[in-house]
Amino acid sequence: MKRARQKPVVENETPQTSQESKKQKTCFYGSGLGGSLDWGSLPHHVILRIFQFLPLVDRARASSVCRRWNEVFHIPDLWRRFEFELNQPATSYLKSTHPDLIQQIIKRHADHLQYVSFKVDSSTESAEAACDILSQLVNCSIKTLGLISTAKPSFMNVSKAHFASALTVVFVNSKSLSSIKVDDTPLDDPSLKVLVANNSDTLKLLKMSSCPHVSPAGILCVADQCHGLKELALNYYILSDELLLALSSEKHVDLEHLRIDVVSENPGQVQFHTIKKQSWDALVRHSPKVNIVMYFFLYEEEFDAFFREETPVTHLYFGRAVSKAMLGRIGLHCPRLIELVVCANGLQPLDEELIRIAQRCKHLTAMGLGECEVTCRGFVEFVKMCGGRLTQLSIMEEVLIPDSDYSLDRLHLEVSKHLGRMWFPDMMPTW
């Protein structure tokens, strides 16, 4: 029978007190170096780095830990970027930036702000509050300004005079604005003229879709004077031959992105104009690498004006059903196409249309199909023709119709072979 092993006795050993044991644990977990960690003695640059990863509310709370942390809280580097969140409890579940903090920012950090955005809910009160804050930024040197509505109507319910007055304060005082995003706002032509008068040398990006008070003349003013403009987003009703020619002038630098929203609010009541092929050609000659992105939210009978002749569009998104005939025209007249997303088509197989797109659109690298139909045979032929250049292929499983050549199980192996990577149909669209 084995005897229980006894613990060896060490002379002069004294049992640890519970307090000493706790102290050792604190030292070990606190610093890893045998001493307790004094958070208040951290170097400024370390605290600053920590603050940069904290949400604003947590950062404000942390600033009350000690005087040192409060000093870091007000270092200008922390106030280059700021997003004002303005929400009403009755219309949003999101928390709003506290009014006291907003006033502190205006008082102490307005001249540090460079990258600023305002995120508001659907209420007019929130949009009015955003305009009030903008009106107080008289010492700012903002480079990026974004006005974001999480839901309509928001800024569109603000009076045009109040909105224009608030923007004027920023446009006049900043002098170095390079990026402006003001979708779904009452922006107007006089505001654009103020913007151009004060920031024509620095403006590179202007996104202003769904701004009904802006006319083609206002956009022409921007195109004629902001020679460094690289990206422009607008509604199709503002697009014109004159605008494309202005963007193609010798003094204008190469445009990198032109985003166009083609939206119909009143089905059957909107007649869309046609842009001449010569105007598109002039833009591409001047800016050969320009990405022309078009988002379509039309009804089937409203597509007649588009893609009747060659159009240098590179990215196409159809948010509503589009006909087979329309997709056929895309295959014929969009040789620069890079990405195509069709959310819906109907119950007519698109084999011929996809094969034509694969034949004619030699730069196509991304495809997405939603509520459409294509036979497995036709889909394999499409993928075979495009090959490994299809870096993104998002096709819902319901789109594919099994036939005598391919079952769904065999399909994914055949498609994977031609793509050069493993591929499966999507259960849900990923675009």
Protein backbone atom coordinates (compact mmCIF):
# COMPACT_ATOMS: atom_id res chain seq x y z
CA MET A 1 0.00 0.00 0.00
CA LYS A 2 1.42 3.36 -1.07
CA ARG A 3 1.79 6.14 1.44
CA ALA A 4 0.38 9.54 0.64
CA ARG A 5 3.10 11.91 -0.54
CA GLN A 6 3.83 14.55 2.06
CA LYS A 7 4.62 18.15 1.22
CA PRO A 8 8.29 18.86 2.00
CA VAL A 9 8.86 21.20 4.93
CA VAL A 10 11.03 24.26 4.28
CA GLU A 11 12.65 25.91 7.27
CA ASN A 12 11.61 29.47 8.14
CA GLU A 13 8.71 29.34 5.69
CA THR A 14 5.83 31.51 6.76
CA PRO A 15 2.38 31.10 5.33
CA GLN A 16 1.24 33.86 2.95
CA THR A 17 -1.42 36.13 4.20
CA SER A 18 -4.49 36.56 2.08
CA GLN A 19 -3.55 40.24 1.55
CA GLU A 20 -0.09 39.35 0.21
CA SER A 21 -1.63 36.78 -2.08
CA LYS A 22 -4.08 39.37 -3.45
CA LYS A 23 -1.26 41.86 -3.91
CA GLN A 24 0.80 39.40 -5.93
CA LYS A 25 -2.19 38.61 -8.13
CA THR A 26 -2.88 42.30 -8.65
CA CYS A 27 0.72 42.93 -9.61
CA PHE A 28 0.77 39.98 -11.97
CA TYR A 29 -2.47 40.76 -13.77
CA GLY A 30 -2.02 44.53 -13.58
CA SER A 31 1.30 44.91 -15.34
CA GLY A 32 2.98 41.61 -15.95
CA LEU A 33 6.20 43.25 -14.72
CA GLY A 34 5.78 42.78 -10.98
CA GLY A 35 4.31 46.21 -10.27
CA SER A 36 0.75 47.56 -10.30
CA LEU A 37 -0.25 49.59 -13.36
CA ASP A 38 -0.87 53.31 -12.89
CA TRP A 39 -3.28 54.20 -15.72
CA GLY A 40 -2.86 57.89 -15.02
CA SER A 41 0.85 57.76 -15.83
CA LEU A 42 0.45 56.38 -19.36
CA PRO A 43 2.21 58.52 -21.99
CA HIS A 44 0.04 60.98 -23.91
CA HIS A 45 0.50 59.15 -27.22
CA VAL A 46 -0.70 55.86 -25.69
CA ILE A 47 -3.83 57.45 -24.21
CA LEU A 48 -4.45 59.23 -27.50
CA ARG A 49 -4.25 55.93 -29.35
CA ILE A 50 -6.73 54.34 -26.94
CA PHE A 51 -9.13 57.27 -27.33
CA GLN A 52 -9.02 56.97 -31.12
CA PHE A 53 -10.60 53.50 -30.87
CA LEU A 54 -13.33 54.50 -28.42
CA PRO A 55 -16.84 55.60 -29.38
CA LEU A 56 -17.41 59.24 -28.52
CA VAL A 57 -19.61 58.50 -25.47
CA ASP A 58 -16.98 56.18 -23.97
CA ARG A 59 -14.25 58.66 -24.81
CA ALA A 60 -16.12 61.41 -22.99
CA ARG A 61 -16.57 59.18 -19.94
CA ALA A 62 -12.91 58.20 -19.96
CA SER A 63 -11.93 61.87 -19.99
CA SER A 64 -13.27 62.18 -16.43
CA VAL A 65 -10.82 59.58 -15.05
CA CYS A 66 -8.17 62.18 -14.23
CA ARG A 67 -6.80 65.52 -15.32
CA ARG A 68 -4.23 63.90 -17.63
CA TRP A 69 -6.88 61.97 -19.52
CA ASN A 70 -9.01 65.10 -19.79
CA GLU A 71 -6.08 66.94 -21.35
CA VAL A 72 -5.68 64.20 -23.95
CA PHE A 73 -9.43 64.30 -24.63
CA HIS A 74 -8.96 67.83 -26.00
CA ILE A 75 -5.89 67.16 -28.15
CA PRO A 76 -6.71 68.50 -31.67
CA ASP A 77 -5.81 65.20 -33.35
CA LEU A 78 -8.92 63.63 -31.78
CA TRP A 79 -11.17 66.25 -33.35
CA ARG A 80 -10.12 66.08 -36.99
CA ARG A 81 -12.96 63.60 -37.70
CA PHE A 82 -16.37 63.87 -36.13
CA GLU A 83 -19.85 62.55 -36.86
CA PHE A 84 -22.75 64.43 -35.31
CA GLU A 85 -25.66 62.06 -34.68
CA LEU A 86 -28.96 63.89 -34.34
CA ASN A 87 -32.02 61.78 -33.59
CA GLN A 88 -35.38 62.25 -31.95
CA PRO A 89 -36.46 59.59 -29.39
CA ALA A 90 -39.86 59.28 -31.04
CA THR A 91 -38.48 58.56 -34.53
CA SER A 92 -35.21 56.71 -33.94
CA TYR A 93 -33.71 54.05 -31.69
CA LEU A 94 -30.23 55.51 -32.17
CA LYS A 95 -28.62 57.68 -29.52
CA SER A 96 -28.01 61.31 -30.27
CA THR A 97 -24.84 63.30 -29.65
CA HIS A 98 -25.43 65.11 -26.35
CA PRO A 99 -26.19 68.86 -26.79
CA ASP A 100 -23.61 69.82 -24.12
CA LEU A 101 -20.92 67.95 -26.02
CA ILE A 102 -21.95 69.63 -29.27
CA GLN A 103 -21.56 73.05 -27.67
CA GLN A 104 -18.18 72.04 -26.24
CA ILE A 105 -17.04 70.98 -29.70
CA ILE A 106 -18.20 74.24 -31.28
CA LYS A 107 -16.53 76.28 -28.55
CA ARG A 108 -13.20 74.45 -28.31
CA HIS A 109 -12.73 72.38 -31.46
CA ALA A 110 -14.51 74.02 -34.40
CA ASP A 111 -11.18 75.13 -35.87
CA HIS A 112 -9.84 71.54 -35.61
CA LEU A 113 -12.69 69.88 -37.50
CA GLN A 114 -11.69 68.69 -40.97
CA TYR A 115 -13.75 65.56 -41.74
CA VAL A 116 -17.32 66.14 -40.59
CA SER A 117 -20.58 64.33 -41.20
CA PHE A 118 -24.10 64.80 -39.90
CA LYS A 119 -26.25 61.70 -39.56
CA VAL A 120 -29.91 62.50 -38.94
CA ASP A 121 -33.12 60.50 -38.68
CA SER A 122 -36.32 61.24 -40.57
CA SER A 123 -37.50 64.11 -38.37
CA THR A 124 -37.37 67.73 -39.46
CA GLU A 125 -36.17 68.70 -35.96
CA SER A 126 -32.97 66.70 -36.41
CA ALA A 127 -32.26 68.24 -39.81
CA GLU A 128 -32.93 71.74 -38.42
CA ALA A 129 -30.51 71.03 -35.56
CA ALA A 130 -27.85 69.98 -38.10
CA CYS A 131 -28.31 73.27 -39.95
CA ASP A 132 -28.01 75.20 -36.70
CA ILE A 133 -24.69 73.51 -35.93
CA LEU A 134 -23.40 74.17 -39.45
CA SER A 135 -24.27 77.85 -39.02
CA GLN A 136 -21.96 78.02 -35.98
CA LEU A 137 -18.87 76.60 -37.68
CA VAL A 138 -17.49 80.01 -38.58
CA ASN A 139 -13.88 79.19 -37.68
CA CYS A 140 -13.78 75.82 -39.41
CA SER A 141 -11.38 74.55 -42.05
CA ILE A 142 -13.45 71.56 -43.17
CA LYS A 143 -12.15 69.38 -45.99
CA THR A 144 -14.93 66.75 -46.07
CA LEU A 145 -18.61 67.40 -45.38
CA GLY A 146 -21.32 64.76 -45.45
CA LEU A 147 -25.04 65.17 -44.78
CA ILE A 148 -26.60 61.74 -44.31
CA SER A 149 -30.31 61.04 -43.87
CA THR A 150 -30.97 57.59 -42.41
CA ALA A 151 -34.59 57.93 -43.61
CA LYS A 152 -36.62 60.42 -45.61
CA PRO A 153 -37.74 63.22 -45.55
CA SER A 154 -35.25 64.76 -43.10
CA PHE A 155 -33.29 67.58 -44.87
CA MET A 156 -35.92 67.90 -47.59
CA ASN A 157 -38.35 69.33 -45.03
CA VAL A 158 -35.95 72.08 -43.99
CA SER A 159 -36.65 75.45 -45.59
CA LYS A 160 -34.38 76.09 -48.57
CA ALA A 161 -33.32 79.46 -47.12
CA HIS A 162 -32.26 77.94 -43.77
CA PHE A 163 -30.37 75.12 -45.45
CA ALA A 164 -28.60 77.40 -47.93
CA SER A 165 -27.65 79.84 -45.18
CA ALA A 166 -26.08 77.06 -43.11
CA LEU A 167 -24.11 75.67 -46.05
CA THR A 168 -22.92 79.14 -47.00
CA VAL A 169 -21.19 79.50 -43.62
CA VAL A 170 -19.13 76.37 -44.31
CA PHE A 171 -18.56 77.08 -48.01
CA VAL A 172 -17.28 80.60 -47.31
CA ASN A 173 -15.15 79.87 -44.26
CA SER A 174 -13.53 76.54 -45.10
CA LYS A 175 -11.69 77.50 -48.33
CA SER A 176 -10.33 73.94 -48.74
CA LEU A 177 -13.35 71.69 -49.24
CA SER A 178 -12.43 68.63 -51.27
CA SER A 179 -15.36 66.25 -50.70
CA ILE A 180 -19.06 67.04 -50.31
CA LYS A 181 -21.92 64.54 -50.01
CA VAL A 182 -25.33 66.22 -49.90
CA ASP A 183 -27.80 63.69 -51.33
CA ASP A 184 -31.53 64.29 -50.69
CA THR A 185 -31.17 67.93 -49.65
CA PRO A 186 -32.59 71.31 -50.79
CA LEU A 187 -29.21 72.33 -52.24
CA ASP A 188 -29.69 74.93 -54.99
CA ASP A 189 -27.76 76.71 -57.74
CA PRO A 190 -26.82 79.83 -55.69
CA SER A 191 -25.29 77.54 -53.03
CA LEU A 192 -23.23 75.81 -55.71
CA LYS A 193 -21.99 79.16 -56.96
CA VAL A 194 -20.83 80.06 -53.43
CA LEU A 195 -19.10 76.69 -53.19
CA VAL A 196 -17.30 77.18 -56.49
CA ALA A 197 -16.33 80.77 -55.70
CA ASN A 198 -14.51 79.69 -52.54
CA ASN A 199 -13.36 76.12 -53.18
CA SER A 200 -12.90 75.70 -56.95
CA ASP A 201 -9.21 74.80 -56.59
CA THR A 202 -9.76 72.06 -53.99
CA LEU A 203 -13.09 70.37 -54.80
CA LYS A 204 -12.56 66.77 -55.96
CA LEU A 205 -15.80 64.95 -55.06
CA LEU A 206 -19.39 66.16 -55.26
CA LYS A 207 -22.30 63.77 -54.57
CA MET A 208 -25.68 65.43 -54.87
CA SER A 209 -28.27 62.97 -56.10
CA SER A 210 -31.94 63.78 -55.46
CA CYS A 211 -31.41 67.52 -55.09
CA PRO A 212 -34.46 68.87 -56.98
CA HIS A 213 -33.50 72.55 -56.68
CA VAL A 214 -30.26 72.08 -58.62
CA SER A 215 -30.48 72.72 -62.36
CA PRO A 216 -28.18 71.71 -65.23
CA ALA A 217 -26.82 75.29 -65.14
CA GLY A 218 -25.68 74.80 -61.56
CA ILE A 219 -23.82 71.62 -62.45
CA LEU A 220 -22.26 73.30 -65.49
CA CYS A 221 -20.95 76.01 -63.17
CA VAL A 222 -19.16 73.32 -61.15
CA ALA A 223 -17.84 71.50 -64.22
CA ASP A 224 -16.57 74.71 -65.83
CA GLN A 225 -14.68 76.00 -62.79
CA CYS A 226 -13.69 73.02 -60.60
CA HIS A 227 -10.95 71.68 -62.82
CA GLY A 228 -9.73 69.21 -60.21
CA LEU A 229 -13.09 67.44 -59.91
CA LYS A 230 -12.53 63.66 -59.85
CA GLU A 231 -15.92 62.24 -58.84
CA LEU A 232 -19.43 63.48 -59.55
CA ALA A 233 -22.77 61.92 -58.56
CA LEU A 234 -26.09 63.30 -59.78
CA ASN A 235 -29.54 62.42 -61.12
CA TYR A 236 -29.98 61.62 -64.79
CA TYR A 237 -32.37 64.54 -65.34
CA ILE A 238 -29.39 66.91 -64.80
CA LEU A 239 -27.08 65.01 -67.13
CA SER A 240 -26.73 66.68 -70.52
CA ASP A 241 -24.56 66.78 -73.61
CA GLU A 242 -23.32 70.21 -72.51
CA LEU A 243 -22.23 68.85 -69.11
CA LEU A 244 -20.30 65.94 -70.63
CA LEU A 245 -18.55 68.31 -73.03
CA ALA A 246 -17.65 70.64 -70.13
CA LEU A 247 -16.14 67.67 -68.26
CA SER A 248 -14.21 66.86 -71.46
CA SER A 249 -12.62 70.28 -71.95
CA GLU A 250 -8.84 70.56 -72.18
CA LYS A 251 -8.55 72.47 -68.90
CA HIS A 252 -10.48 69.83 -66.96
CA VAL A 253 -8.50 67.04 -65.31
CA ASP A 254 -9.47 63.44 -65.91
CA LEU A 255 -12.74 62.48 -64.23
CA GLU A 256 -12.44 59.15 -62.37
CA HIS A 257 -16.07 58.42 -61.40
CA LEU A 258 -19.38 59.62 -62.80
CA ARG A 259 -22.33 58.17 -60.88
CA ILE A 260 -25.83 58.61 -62.32
CA ASP A 261 -29.09 57.75 -60.57
CA VAL A 262 -31.93 57.07 -63.01
CA VAL A 263 -35.06 57.19 -60.87
CA SER A 264 -38.74 57.44 -61.68
CA GLU A 265 -41.01 58.67 -58.89
CA ASN A 266 -44.15 58.78 -61.07
CA PRO A 267 -44.40 55.75 -63.36
CA GLY A 268 -45.39 56.61 -66.89
CA GLN A 269 -45.12 60.36 -66.31
CA VAL A 270 -41.40 60.81 -66.88
CA GLN A 271 -39.91 60.95 -70.36
CA PHE A 272 -36.17 60.50 -70.26
CA HIS A 273 -33.96 62.34 -72.72
CA THR A 274 -31.18 60.68 -74.72
CA ILE A 275 -27.50 61.58 -74.43
CA LYS A 276 -25.70 61.68 -77.78
CA LYS A 277 -22.99 59.16 -78.54
CA GLN A 278 -20.63 62.00 -79.51
CA SER A 279 -20.89 63.46 -76.00
CA TRP A 280 -20.09 60.11 -74.33
CA ASP A 281 -17.19 59.63 -76.75
CA ALA A 282 -15.76 63.05 -75.89
CA LEU A 283 -15.77 62.21 -72.17
CA VAL A 284 -14.04 58.86 -72.69
CA ARG A 285 -11.42 60.36 -75.01
CA HIS A 286 -10.60 62.96 -72.39
CA SER A 287 -10.85 60.59 -69.37
CA PRO A 288 -10.19 57.11 -70.80
CA LYS A 289 -10.24 55.39 -67.39
CA VAL A 290 -13.45 57.00 -66.13
CA ASN A 291 -15.93 54.71 -64.36
CA ILE A 292 -19.50 55.51 -65.42
CA VAL A 293 -21.89 54.01 -62.89
CA MET A 294 -25.66 53.95 -63.51
CA TYR A 295 -28.32 52.94 -60.99
CA PHE A 296 -31.72 52.27 -62.57
CA PHE A 297 -34.99 52.34 -60.63
CA LEU A 298 -37.42 52.48 -63.53
CA TYR A 299 -40.49 50.65 -64.72
CA GLU A 300 -40.19 48.54 -67.84
CA GLU A 301 -41.92 50.99 -70.17
CA GLU A 302 -39.52 53.80 -69.19
CA PHE A 303 -36.29 52.24 -70.53
CA ASP A 304 -36.84 53.23 -74.14
CA ALA A 305 -34.35 56.14 -74.17
CA PHE A 306 -31.39 54.09 -72.95
CA PHE A 307 -28.71 52.01 -74.71
CA ARG A 308 -30.07 52.53 -78.22
CA GLU A 309 -26.49 53.13 -79.33
CA GLU A 310 -23.05 52.59 -77.83
CA THR A 311 -22.79 53.86 -74.24
CA PRO A 312 -19.52 53.72 -72.25
CA VAL A 313 -21.15 52.67 -68.97
CA THR A 314 -18.91 50.48 -66.75
CA HIS A 315 -21.18 49.56 -63.83
CA LEU A 316 -24.92 48.86 -64.17
CA TYR A 317 -27.39 48.18 -61.36
CA PHE A 318 -31.07 47.47 -61.99
CA GLY A 319 -33.15 47.80 -58.83
CA ARG A 320 -36.43 46.84 -60.53
CA ALA A 321 -37.41 44.36 -63.21
CA VAL A 322 -35.73 44.86 -66.58
CA SER A 323 -36.82 43.25 -69.85
CA LYS A 324 -34.98 40.72 -71.99
CA ALA A 325 -34.88 43.28 -74.79
CA MET A 326 -33.12 45.80 -72.56
CA LEU A 327 -30.50 43.25 -71.47
CA GLY A 328 -30.02 42.39 -75.14
CA ARG A 329 -29.26 46.05 -75.91
CA ILE A 330 -26.72 46.10 -73.09
CA GLY A 331 -24.91 43.19 -74.68
CA LEU A 332 -24.82 45.06 -77.99
CA HIS A 333 -23.99 48.60 -76.87
CA CYS A 334 -21.97 48.51 -73.60
CA PRO A 335 -18.45 47.30 -74.53
CA ARG A 336 -16.84 48.89 -71.42
CA LEU A 337 -19.14 47.07 -68.97
CA ILE A 338 -17.31 45.81 -65.85
CA GLU A 339 -20.15 44.99 -63.45
CA LEU A 340 -23.80 44.07 -63.98
CA VAL A 341 -26.42 43.47 -61.27
CA VAL A 342 -29.99 42.56 -62.23
CA CYS A 343 -32.31 42.30 -59.24
CA ALA A 344 -35.28 41.01 -61.24
CA ASN A 345 -36.33 40.09 -64.78
CA GLY A 346 -39.28 37.75 -64.81
CA LEU A 347 -39.87 34.20 -65.95
CA GLN A 348 -38.06 34.27 -69.30
CA PRO A 349 -34.67 32.51 -69.48
CA LEU A 350 -31.82 34.92 -70.18
CA ASP A 351 -29.44 32.46 -71.85
CA GLU A 352 -29.05 34.39 -75.11
CA GLU A 353 -28.67 37.74 -73.38
CA LEU A 354 -25.96 36.50 -71.01
CA ILE A 355 -24.02 34.82 -73.80
CA ARG A 356 -24.16 38.00 -75.86
CA ILE A 357 -22.90 40.00 -72.86
CA ALA A 358 -20.04 37.51 -72.41
CA GLN A 359 -19.15 37.84 -76.12
CA ARG A 360 -19.26 41.63 -76.38
CA CYS A 361 -18.34 42.86 -72.87
CA LYS A 362 -14.71 41.78 -72.70
CA HIS A 363 -14.05 43.67 -69.45
CA LEU A 364 -16.89 42.11 -67.42
CA THR A 365 -15.57 40.95 -64.03
CA ALA A 366 -18.67 40.98 -61.79
CA MET A 367 -22.20 39.66 -62.26
CA GLY A 368 -25.20 39.38 -59.95
CA LEU A 369 -28.63 37.94 -60.76
CA GLY A 370 -31.65 37.99 -58.44
CA GLU A 371 -35.20 37.09 -59.43
CA CYS A 372 -34.33 35.93 -62.95
CA GLU A 373 -34.12 32.63 -64.80
CA VAL A 374 -31.28 31.03 -66.75
CA THR A 375 -30.79 27.39 -67.69
CA CYS A 376 -27.81 25.57 -66.20
CA ARG A 377 -26.54 24.92 -69.74
CA GLY A 378 -26.74 28.61 -70.66
CA PHE A 379 -25.10 29.66 -67.40
CA VAL A 380 -22.16 27.27 -67.87
CA GLU A 381 -21.67 28.60 -71.41
CA PHE A 382 -21.66 32.18 -70.07
CA VAL A 383 -19.07 31.34 -67.40
CA LYS A 384 -16.94 29.39 -69.89
CA MET A 385 -16.78 32.43 -72.18
CA CYS A 386 -15.90 34.84 -69.36
CA GLY A 387 -13.48 32.46 -67.62
CA GLY A 388 -11.33 33.46 -64.67
CA ARG A 389 -11.87 37.18 -65.20
CA LEU A 390 -15.19 36.83 -63.32
CA THR A 391 -13.89 37.72 -59.88
CA GLN A 392 -17.42 38.17 -58.46
CA LEU A 393 -20.32 35.93 -59.40
CA SER A 394 -23.39 36.16 -57.17
CA ILE A 395 -26.28 34.06 -58.52
CA MET A 396 -29.19 32.96 -56.36
CA GLU A 397 -29.88 29.24 -56.48
CA GLU A 398 -33.51 29.84 -57.54
CA VAL A 399 -32.28 31.52 -60.74
CA LEU A 400 -30.77 28.32 -62.16
CA ILE A 401 -33.00 25.88 -64.06
CA PRO A 402 -31.64 22.30 -64.14
CA ASP A 403 -31.65 20.68 -67.59
CA SER A 404 -30.57 17.44 -69.26
CA ASP A 405 -26.92 18.54 -69.29
CA TYR A 406 -26.46 19.79 -65.73
CA SER A 407 -27.97 19.22 -62.32
CA LEU A 408 -27.29 21.79 -59.62
CA ASP A 409 -24.77 19.44 -58.01
CA ARG A 410 -22.80 19.04 -61.23
CA LEU A 411 -23.20 22.72 -62.09
CA HIS A 412 -21.10 24.04 -59.22
CA LEU A 413 -18.22 21.70 -60.16
CA GLU A 414 -18.31 22.77 -63.82
CA VAL A 415 -18.53 26.49 -62.97
CA SER A 416 -15.73 26.14 -60.40
CA LYS A 417 -13.52 24.57 -63.06
CA HIS A 418 -13.96 27.49 -65.47
CA LEU A 419 -13.57 30.14 -62.76
CA GLY A 420 -10.44 28.52 -61.34
CA ARG A 421 -11.83 28.58 -57.80
CA MET A 422 -14.55 26.92 -55.74
CA TRP A 423 -18.00 28.37 -56.45
CA PHE A 424 -21.53 27.71 -55.20
CA PRO A 425 -24.82 29.50 -55.95
CA ASP A 426 -25.92 31.95 -53.28
CA MET A 427 -28.81 31.40 -50.93
CA MET A 428 -29.16 35.18 -50.63
CA PRO A 429 -27.82 37.91 -52.93
CA THR A 430 -24.55 39.45 -51.72
CA TRP A 431 -24.64 42.74 -53.64
